[in-house]
Amino acid sequence: MHVLHNLMEDSVLQAVSEFIAKEDICTCDQCRLDIAAIALNSLPPRYVVTNKGASYARADLLEMQKYVDIIGAITKAIKLVKEHPRHP
């Protein structure tokens, strides 16, 4: 059975985990997922269905500009969540 999957989500979640450890920001699940959601909403999705499609899309995501776009989106999202966390 084929499953629809957004590879951009994997890339963003991994990058969020790496960046959150380096930033002075709350690392709770709520803040981490808020950062990922904000970043993903500003990035184009990379949906795949087959393993072959996933391989091509992963190679595309490794392109430097796409990596820079992901980092930029996460940086903006971290700033937003830091200024307006959804918990006390």
PDB file of N, CA and C in Angstrom:
ATOM      1  N   MET A   1       0.847  -1.186   0.000  1.00  0.00           N
ATOM      2  CA  MET A   1       0.000   0.000   0.000  1.00  0.00           C
ATOM      3  C   MET A   1       0.886   1.241   0.000  1.00  0.00           C
ATOM      4  N   HIS A   2       0.556   2.166  -0.830  1.00  0.00           N
ATOM      5  CA  HIS A   2       1.304   3.412  -0.919  1.00  0.00           C
ATOM      6  C   HIS A   2       0.788   4.408   0.119  1.00  0.00           C
ATOM      7  N   VAL A   3       1.699   5.221   0.610  1.00  0.00           N
ATOM      8  CA  VAL A   3       1.346   6.218   1.608  1.00  0.00           C
ATOM      9  C   VAL A   3       1.847   7.571   1.124  1.00  0.00           C
ATOM     10  N   LEU A   4       1.025   8.574   1.225  1.00  0.00           N
ATOM     11  CA  LEU A   4       1.406   9.941   0.874  1.00  0.00           C
ATOM     12  C   LEU A   4       2.232  10.525   2.005  1.00  0.00           C
ATOM     13  N   HIS A   5       3.382  11.122   1.678  1.00  0.00           N
ATOM     14  CA  HIS A   5       4.267  11.631   2.715  1.00  0.00           C
ATOM     15  C   HIS A   5       4.923  12.924   2.260  1.00  0.00           C
ATOM     16  N   ASN A   6       5.012  13.896   3.160  1.00  0.00           N
ATOM     17  CA  ASN A   6       5.660  15.175   2.874  1.00  0.00           C
ATOM     18  C   ASN A   6       7.091  15.130   3.418  1.00  0.00           C
ATOM     19  N   LEU A   7       8.077  15.003   2.523  1.00  0.00           N
ATOM     20  CA  LEU A   7       9.476  14.929   2.950  1.00  0.00           C
ATOM     21  C   LEU A   7       9.957  16.223   3.583  1.00  0.00           C
ATOM     22  N   MET A   8       9.326  17.340   3.229  1.00  0.00           N
ATOM     23  CA  MET A   8       9.722  18.615   3.821  1.00  0.00           C
ATOM     24  C   MET A   8       9.500  18.576   5.334  1.00  0.00           C
ATOM     25  N   GLU A   9       8.461  17.875   5.756  1.00  0.00           N
ATOM     26  CA  GLU A   9       8.179  17.754   7.187  1.00  0.00           C
ATOM     27  C   GLU A   9       9.337  17.069   7.909  1.00  0.00           C
ATOM     28  N   ASP A  10       9.862  16.000   7.326  1.00  0.00           N
ATOM     29  CA  ASP A  10      11.008  15.306   7.923  1.00  0.00           C
ATOM     30  C   ASP A  10      12.206  16.241   8.050  1.00  0.00           C
ATOM     31  N   SER A  11      12.492  16.966   6.979  1.00  0.00           N
ATOM     32  CA  SER A  11      13.653  17.869   6.970  1.00  0.00           C
ATOM     33  C   SER A  11      13.498  18.972   8.007  1.00  0.00           C
ATOM     34  N   VAL A  12      12.306  19.538   8.097  1.00  0.00           N
ATOM     35  CA  VAL A  12      12.068  20.631   9.044  1.00  0.00           C
ATOM     36  C   VAL A  12      12.140  20.120  10.479  1.00  0.00           C
ATOM     37  N   LEU A  13      11.524  18.995  10.771  1.00  0.00           N
ATOM     38  CA  LEU A  13      11.556  18.465  12.141  1.00  0.00           C
ATOM     39  C   LEU A  13      12.983  18.152  12.586  1.00  0.00           C
ATOM     40  N   GLN A  14      13.780  17.610  11.687  1.00  0.00           N
ATOM     41  CA  GLN A  14      15.168  17.321  12.019  1.00  0.00           C
ATOM     42  C   GLN A  14      15.939  18.612  12.278  1.00  0.00           C
ATOM     43  N   ALA A  15      15.750  19.599  11.419  1.00  0.00           N
ATOM     44  CA  ALA A  15      16.452  20.872  11.580  1.00  0.00           C
ATOM     45  C   ALA A  15      15.992  21.604  12.840  1.00  0.00           C
ATOM     46  N   VAL A  16      14.698  21.528  13.158  1.00  0.00           N
ATOM     47  CA  VAL A  16      14.187  22.162  14.377  1.00  0.00           C
ATOM     48  C   VAL A  16      14.868  21.549  15.598  1.00  0.00           C
ATOM     49  N   SER A  17      14.984  20.238  15.618  1.00  0.00           N
ATOM     50  CA  SER A  17      15.643  19.575  16.747  1.00  0.00           C
ATOM     51  C   SER A  17      17.085  20.031  16.903  1.00  0.00           C
ATOM     52  N   GLU A  18      17.784  20.198  15.793  1.00  0.00           N
ATOM     53  CA  GLU A  18      19.166  20.654  15.833  1.00  0.00           C
ATOM     54  C   GLU A  18      19.275  22.113  16.294  1.00  0.00           C
ATOM     55  N   PHE A  19      18.405  22.973  15.786  1.00  0.00           N
ATOM     56  CA  PHE A  19      18.481  24.400  16.102  1.00  0.00           C
ATOM     57  C   PHE A  19      18.008  24.722  17.508  1.00  0.00           C
ATOM     58  N   ILE A  20      16.981  24.020  17.971  1.00  0.00           N
ATOM     59  CA  ILE A  20      16.422  24.291  19.296  1.00  0.00           C
ATOM     60  C   ILE A  20      17.472  24.054  20.380  1.00  0.00           C
ATOM     61  N   ALA A  21      18.332  23.088  20.161  1.00  0.00           N
ATOM     62  CA  ALA A  21      19.380  22.788  21.138  1.00  0.00           C
ATOM     63  C   ALA A  21      20.383  23.937  21.246  1.00  0.00           C
ATOM     64  N   LYS A  22      20.519  24.725  20.182  1.00  0.00           N
ATOM     65  CA  LYS A  22      21.494  25.817  20.146  1.00  0.00           C
ATOM     66  C   LYS A  22      20.894  27.169  20.542  1.00  0.00           C
ATOM     67  N   GLU A  23      19.589  27.268  20.563  1.00  0.00           N
ATOM     68  CA  GLU A  23      18.914  28.535  20.849  1.00  0.00           C
ATOM     69  C   GLU A  23      18.457  28.593  22.306  1.00  0.00           C
ATOM     70  N   ASP A  24      18.262  29.799  22.795  1.00  0.00           N
ATOM     71  CA  ASP A  24      17.725  30.012  24.135  1.00  0.00           C
ATOM     72  C   ASP A  24      16.206  30.077  24.020  1.00  0.00           C
ATOM     73  N   ILE A  25      15.592  28.911  23.900  1.00  0.00           N
ATOM     74  CA  ILE A  25      14.150  28.847  23.717  1.00  0.00           C
ATOM     75  C   ILE A  25      13.619  27.586  24.403  1.00  0.00           C
ATOM     76  N   CYS A  26      12.381  27.633  24.769  1.00  0.00           N
ATOM     77  CA  CYS A  26      11.725  26.480  25.393  1.00  0.00           C
ATOM     78  C   CYS A  26      11.785  25.289  24.439  1.00  0.00           C
ATOM     79  N   THR A  27      12.050  24.115  24.982  1.00  0.00           N
ATOM     80  CA  THR A  27      12.157  22.918  24.146  1.00  0.00           C
ATOM     81  C   THR A  27      10.985  21.955  24.339  1.00  0.00           C
ATOM     82  N   CYS A  28       9.905  22.454  24.907  1.00  0.00           N
ATOM     83  CA  CYS A  28       8.732  21.588  25.103  1.00  0.00           C
ATOM     84  C   CYS A  28       8.140  21.212  23.738  1.00  0.00           C
ATOM     85  N   ASP A  29       7.319  20.163  23.737  1.00  0.00           N
ATOM     86  CA  ASP A  29       6.713  19.703  22.485  1.00  0.00           C
ATOM     87  C   ASP A  29       5.862  20.787  21.832  1.00  0.00           C
ATOM     88  N   GLN A  30       5.135  21.558  22.640  1.00  0.00           N
ATOM     89  CA  GLN A  30       4.275  22.601  22.079  1.00  0.00           C
ATOM     90  C   GLN A  30       5.094  23.615  21.288  1.00  0.00           C
ATOM     91  N   CYS A  31       6.162  24.132  21.873  1.00  0.00           N
ATOM     92  CA  CYS A  31       6.998  25.125  21.190  1.00  0.00           C
ATOM     93  C   CYS A  31       7.700  24.520  19.980  1.00  0.00           C
ATOM     94  N   ARG A  32       8.208  23.306  20.127  1.00  0.00           N
ATOM     95  CA  ARG A  32       8.907  22.641  19.029  1.00  0.00           C
ATOM     96  C   ARG A  32       7.980  22.432  17.831  1.00  0.00           C
ATOM     97  N   LEU A  33       6.758  21.974  18.099  1.00  0.00           N
ATOM     98  CA  LEU A  33       5.799  21.751  17.019  1.00  0.00           C
ATOM     99  C   LEU A  33       5.276  23.056  16.440  1.00  0.00           C
ATOM    100  N   ASP A  34       5.127  24.092  17.277  1.00  0.00           N
ATOM    101  CA  ASP A  34       4.733  25.405  16.759  1.00  0.00           C
ATOM    102  C   ASP A  34       5.785  25.936  15.789  1.00  0.00           C
ATOM    103  N   ILE A  35       7.051  25.793  16.135  1.00  0.00           N
ATOM    104  CA  ILE A  35       8.142  26.232  15.263  1.00  0.00           C
ATOM    105  C   ILE A  35       8.085  25.469  13.944  1.00  0.00           C
ATOM    106  N   ALA A  36       7.923  24.162  14.026  1.00  0.00           N
ATOM    107  CA  ALA A  36       7.863  23.346  12.812  1.00  0.00           C
ATOM    108  C   ALA A  36       6.664  23.729  11.945  1.00  0.00           C
ATOM    109  N   ALA A  37       5.508  23.929  12.549  1.00  0.00           N
ATOM    110  CA  ALA A  37       4.304  24.277  11.788  1.00  0.00           C
ATOM    111  C   ALA A  37       4.455  25.624  11.097  1.00  0.00           C
ATOM    112  N   ILE A  38       4.979  26.609  11.809  1.00  0.00           N
ATOM    113  CA  ILE A  38       5.179  27.935  11.209  1.00  0.00           C
ATOM    114  C   ILE A  38       6.160  27.846  10.046  1.00  0.00           C
ATOM    115  N   ALA A  39       7.255  27.131  10.250  1.00  0.00           N
ATOM    116  CA  ALA A  39       8.254  26.980   9.187  1.00  0.00           C
ATOM    117  C   ALA A  39       7.653  26.244   7.987  1.00  0.00           C
ATOM    118  N   LEU A  40       6.937  25.150   8.229  1.00  0.00           N
ATOM    119  CA  LEU A  40       6.361  24.379   7.131  1.00  0.00           C
ATOM    120  C   LEU A  40       5.332  25.179   6.337  1.00  0.00           C
ATOM    121  N   ASN A  41       4.611  26.053   6.995  1.00  0.00           N
ATOM    122  CA  ASN A  41       3.622  26.869   6.290  1.00  0.00           C
ATOM    123  C   ASN A  41       4.260  27.871   5.334  1.00  0.00           C
ATOM    124  N   SER A  42       5.543  28.150   5.503  1.00  0.00           N
ATOM    125  CA  SER A  42       6.204  29.091   4.603  1.00  0.00           C
ATOM    126  C   SER A  42       7.088  28.394   3.572  1.00  0.00           C
ATOM    127  N   LEU A  43       7.114  27.070   3.588  1.00  0.00           N
ATOM    128  CA  LEU A  43       7.950  26.303   2.664  1.00  0.00           C
ATOM    129  C   LEU A  43       7.079  25.469   1.723  1.00  0.00           C
ATOM    130  N   PRO A  44       7.572  25.211   0.506  1.00  0.00           N
ATOM    131  CA  PRO A  44       6.790  24.371  -0.406  1.00  0.00           C
ATOM    132  C   PRO A  44       6.836  22.907   0.039  1.00  0.00           C
ATOM    133  N   PRO A  45       5.721  22.206  -0.049  1.00  0.00           N
ATOM    134  CA  PRO A  45       5.718  20.794   0.335  1.00  0.00           C
ATOM    135  C   PRO A  45       6.481  19.965  -0.694  1.00  0.00           C
ATOM    136  N   ARG A  46       6.957  18.812  -0.273  1.00  0.00           N
ATOM    137  CA  ARG A  46       7.636  17.859  -1.157  1.00  0.00           C
ATOM    138  C   ARG A  46       6.989  16.484  -0.928  1.00  0.00           C
ATOM    139  N   TYR A  47       5.797  16.304  -1.535  1.00  0.00           N
ATOM    140  CA  TYR A  47       5.054  15.064  -1.337  1.00  0.00           C
ATOM    141  C   TYR A  47       5.577  13.952  -2.230  1.00  0.00           C
ATOM    142  N   VAL A  48       5.634  12.760  -1.672  1.00  0.00           N
ATOM    143  CA  VAL A  48       6.025  11.568  -2.421  1.00  0.00           C
ATOM    144  C   VAL A  48       5.081  10.431  -2.063  1.00  0.00           C
ATOM    145  N   VAL A  49       5.023   9.460  -2.969  1.00  0.00           N
ATOM    146  CA  VAL A  49       4.211   8.279  -2.733  1.00  0.00           C
ATOM    147  C   VAL A  49       5.071   7.025  -2.809  1.00  0.00           C
ATOM    148  N   THR A  50       6.025   6.991  -3.719  1.00  0.00           N
ATOM    149  CA  THR A  50       6.847   5.806  -3.906  1.00  0.00           C
ATOM    150  C   THR A  50       8.240   5.997  -3.323  1.00  0.00           C
ATOM    151  N   ASN A  51       8.936   4.902  -3.117  1.00  0.00           N
ATOM    152  CA  ASN A  51      10.316   4.985  -2.643  1.00  0.00           C
ATOM    153  C   ASN A  51      11.209   5.680  -3.659  1.00  0.00           C
ATOM    154  N   LYS A  52      10.961   5.437  -4.943  1.00  0.00           N
ATOM    155  CA  LYS A  52      11.745   6.079  -5.999  1.00  0.00           C
ATOM    156  C   LYS A  52      11.526   7.591  -5.956  1.00  0.00           C
ATOM    157  N   GLY A  53      10.286   7.999  -5.781  1.00  0.00           N
ATOM    158  CA  GLY A  53       9.973   9.430  -5.678  1.00  0.00           C
ATOM    159  C   GLY A  53      10.629  10.043  -4.451  1.00  0.00           C
ATOM    160  N   ALA A  54      10.677   9.294  -3.365  1.00  0.00           N
ATOM    161  CA  ALA A  54      11.307   9.787  -2.135  1.00  0.00           C
ATOM    162  C   ALA A  54      12.797  10.006  -2.352  1.00  0.00           C
ATOM    163  N   SER A  55      13.429   9.113  -3.080  1.00  0.00           N
ATOM    164  CA  SER A  55      14.864   9.257  -3.349  1.00  0.00           C
ATOM    165  C   SER A  55      15.146  10.515  -4.156  1.00  0.00           C
ATOM    166  N   TYR A  56      14.349  10.756  -5.186  1.00  0.00           N
ATOM    167  CA  TYR A  56      14.530  11.954  -6.001  1.00  0.00           C
ATOM    168  C   TYR A  56      14.275  13.222  -5.182  1.00  0.00           C
ATOM    169  N   ALA A  57      13.227  13.212  -4.384  1.00  0.00           N
ATOM    170  CA  ALA A  57      12.881  14.390  -3.595  1.00  0.00           C
ATOM    171  C   ALA A  57      13.925  14.664  -2.515  1.00  0.00           C
ATOM    172  N   ARG A  58      14.460  13.619  -1.883  1.00  0.00           N
ATOM    173  CA  ARG A  58      15.512  13.808  -0.870  1.00  0.00           C
ATOM    174  C   ARG A  58      16.745  14.432  -1.496  1.00  0.00           C
ATOM    175  N   ALA A  59      17.100  13.980  -2.683  1.00  0.00           N
ATOM    176  CA  ALA A  59      18.248  14.550  -3.391  1.00  0.00           C
ATOM    177  C   ALA A  59      17.991  16.022  -3.682  1.00  0.00           C
ATOM    178  N   ASP A  60      16.764  16.343  -4.042  1.00  0.00           N
ATOM    179  CA  ASP A  60      16.392  17.737  -4.319  1.00  0.00           C
ATOM    180  C   ASP A  60      16.486  18.584  -3.055  1.00  0.00           C
ATOM    181  N   LEU A  61      16.083  18.025  -1.916  1.00  0.00           N
ATOM    182  CA  LEU A  61      16.126  18.763  -0.655  1.00  0.00           C
ATOM    183  C   LEU A  61      17.556  19.030  -0.191  1.00  0.00           C
ATOM    184  N   LEU A  62      18.493  18.232  -0.649  1.00  0.00           N
ATOM    185  CA  LEU A  62      19.881  18.424  -0.255  1.00  0.00           C
ATOM    186  C   LEU A  62      20.518  19.612  -0.969  1.00  0.00           C
ATOM    187  N   GLU A  63      19.860  20.095  -2.004  1.00  0.00           N
ATOM    188  CA  GLU A  63      20.377  21.253  -2.720  1.00  0.00           C
ATOM    189  C   GLU A  63      20.552  22.414  -1.736  1.00  0.00           C
ATOM    190  N   MET A  64      21.654  23.114  -1.842  1.00  0.00           N
ATOM    191  CA  MET A  64      22.021  24.147  -0.872  1.00  0.00           C
ATOM    192  C   MET A  64      20.936  25.205  -0.681  1.00  0.00           C
ATOM    193  N   GLN A  65      20.337  25.710  -1.743  1.00  0.00           N
ATOM    194  CA  GLN A  65      19.337  26.772  -1.605  1.00  0.00           C
ATOM    195  C   GLN A  65      18.130  26.293  -0.806  1.00  0.00           C
ATOM    196  N   LYS A  66      17.716  25.072  -1.029  1.00  0.00           N
ATOM    197  CA  LYS A  66      16.565  24.556  -0.277  1.00  0.00           C
ATOM    198  C   LYS A  66      16.910  24.423   1.205  1.00  0.00           C
ATOM    199  N   TYR A  67      18.142  24.017   1.503  1.00  0.00           N
ATOM    200  CA  TYR A  67      18.578  23.928   2.888  1.00  0.00           C
ATOM    201  C   TYR A  67      18.585  25.318   3.522  1.00  0.00           C
ATOM    202  N   VAL A  68      19.079  26.296   2.791  1.00  0.00           N
ATOM    203  CA  VAL A  68      19.102  27.673   3.287  1.00  0.00           C
ATOM    204  C   VAL A  68      17.674  28.172   3.526  1.00  0.00           C
ATOM    205  N   ASP A  69      16.755  27.831   2.635  1.00  0.00           N
ATOM    206  CA  ASP A  69      15.348  28.226   2.805  1.00  0.00           C
ATOM    207  C   ASP A  69      14.757  27.615   4.076  1.00  0.00           C
ATOM    208  N   ILE A  70      15.078  26.354   4.326  1.00  0.00           N
ATOM    209  CA  ILE A  70      14.578  25.675   5.525  1.00  0.00           C
ATOM    210  C   ILE A  70      15.121  26.358   6.779  1.00  0.00           C
ATOM    211  N   ILE A  71      16.407  26.646   6.801  1.00  0.00           N
ATOM    212  CA  ILE A  71      17.031  27.289   7.955  1.00  0.00           C
ATOM    213  C   ILE A  71      16.440  28.676   8.175  1.00  0.00           C
ATOM    214  N   GLY A  72      16.229  29.416   7.093  1.00  0.00           N
ATOM    215  CA  GLY A  72      15.621  30.752   7.208  1.00  0.00           C
ATOM    216  C   GLY A  72      14.219  30.689   7.789  1.00  0.00           C
ATOM    217  N   ALA A  73      13.419  29.740   7.319  1.00  0.00           N
ATOM    218  CA  ALA A  73      12.047  29.590   7.814  1.00  0.00           C
ATOM    219  C   ALA A  73      12.041  29.198   9.283  1.00  0.00           C
ATOM    220  N   ILE A  74      12.945  28.331   9.692  1.00  0.00           N
ATOM    221  CA  ILE A  74      13.018  27.905  11.085  1.00  0.00           C
ATOM    222  C   ILE A  74      13.480  29.053  11.972  1.00  0.00           C
ATOM    223  N   THR A  75      14.437  29.824  11.509  1.00  0.00           N
ATOM    224  CA  THR A  75      14.928  30.963  12.284  1.00  0.00           C
ATOM    225  C   THR A  75      13.809  31.972  12.546  1.00  0.00           C
ATOM    226  N   LYS A  76      13.025  32.269  11.517  1.00  0.00           N
ATOM    227  CA  LYS A  76      11.886  33.188  11.681  1.00  0.00           C
ATOM    228  C   LYS A  76      10.847  32.603  12.642  1.00  0.00           C
ATOM    229  N   ALA A  77      10.600  31.307  12.517  1.00  0.00           N
ATOM    230  CA  ALA A  77       9.612  30.650  13.373  1.00  0.00           C
ATOM    231  C   ALA A  77      10.067  30.646  14.830  1.00  0.00           C
ATOM    232  N   ILE A  78      11.344  30.413  15.067  1.00  0.00           N
ATOM    233  CA  ILE A  78      11.875  30.438  16.435  1.00  0.00           C
ATOM    234  C   ILE A  78      11.672  31.814  17.048  1.00  0.00           C
ATOM    235  N   LYS A  79      11.946  32.851  16.276  1.00  0.00           N
ATOM    236  CA  LYS A  79      11.770  34.226  16.776  1.00  0.00           C
ATOM    237  C   LYS A  79      10.303  34.464  17.153  1.00  0.00           C
ATOM    238  N   LEU A  80       9.392  34.044  16.298  1.00  0.00           N
ATOM    239  CA  LEU A  80       7.956  34.232  16.571  1.00  0.00           C
ATOM    240  C   LEU A  80       7.514  33.490  17.828  1.00  0.00           C
ATOM    241  N   VAL A  81       7.918  32.237  17.946  1.00  0.00           N
ATOM    242  CA  VAL A  81       7.487  31.428  19.092  1.00  0.00           C
ATOM    243  C   VAL A  81       8.154  31.944  20.379  1.00  0.00           C
ATOM    244  N   LYS A  82       9.370  32.406  20.265  1.00  0.00           N
ATOM    245  CA  LYS A  82      10.058  32.965  21.430  1.00  0.00           C
ATOM    246  C   LYS A  82       9.343  34.216  21.940  1.00  0.00           C
ATOM    247  N   GLU A  83       8.873  35.043  21.011  1.00  0.00           N
ATOM    248  CA  GLU A  83       8.163  36.281  21.379  1.00  0.00           C
ATOM    249  C   GLU A  83       6.734  36.004  21.849  1.00  0.00           C
ATOM    250  N   HIS A  84       6.109  34.951  21.327  1.00  0.00           N
ATOM    251  CA  HIS A  84       4.703  34.657  21.633  1.00  0.00           C
ATOM    252  C   HIS A  84       4.483  33.176  21.904  1.00  0.00           C
ATOM    253  N   PRO A  85       5.065  32.639  22.974  1.00  0.00           N
ATOM    254  CA  PRO A  85       4.828  31.213  23.266  1.00  0.00           C
ATOM    255  C   PRO A  85       3.364  30.995  23.627  1.00  0.00           C
ATOM    256  N   ARG A  86       2.867  29.790  23.331  1.00  0.00           N
ATOM    257  CA  ARG A  86       1.453  29.495  23.616  1.00  0.00           C
ATOM    258  C   ARG A  86       1.240  28.840  24.954  1.00  0.00           C
ATOM    259  N   HIS A  87       2.199  29.034  25.864  1.00  0.00           N
ATOM    260  CA  HIS A  87       2.054  28.539  27.234  1.00  0.00           C
ATOM    261  C   HIS A  87       2.659  29.583  28.176  1.00  0.00           C
ATOM    262  N   PRO A  88       2.293  29.503  29.473  1.00  0.00           N
ATOM    263  CA  PRO A  88       2.813  30.520  30.414  1.00  0.00           C
ATOM    264  C   PRO A  88       4.308  30.409  30.635  1.00  0.00           C
TER     265      PRO A  88
END
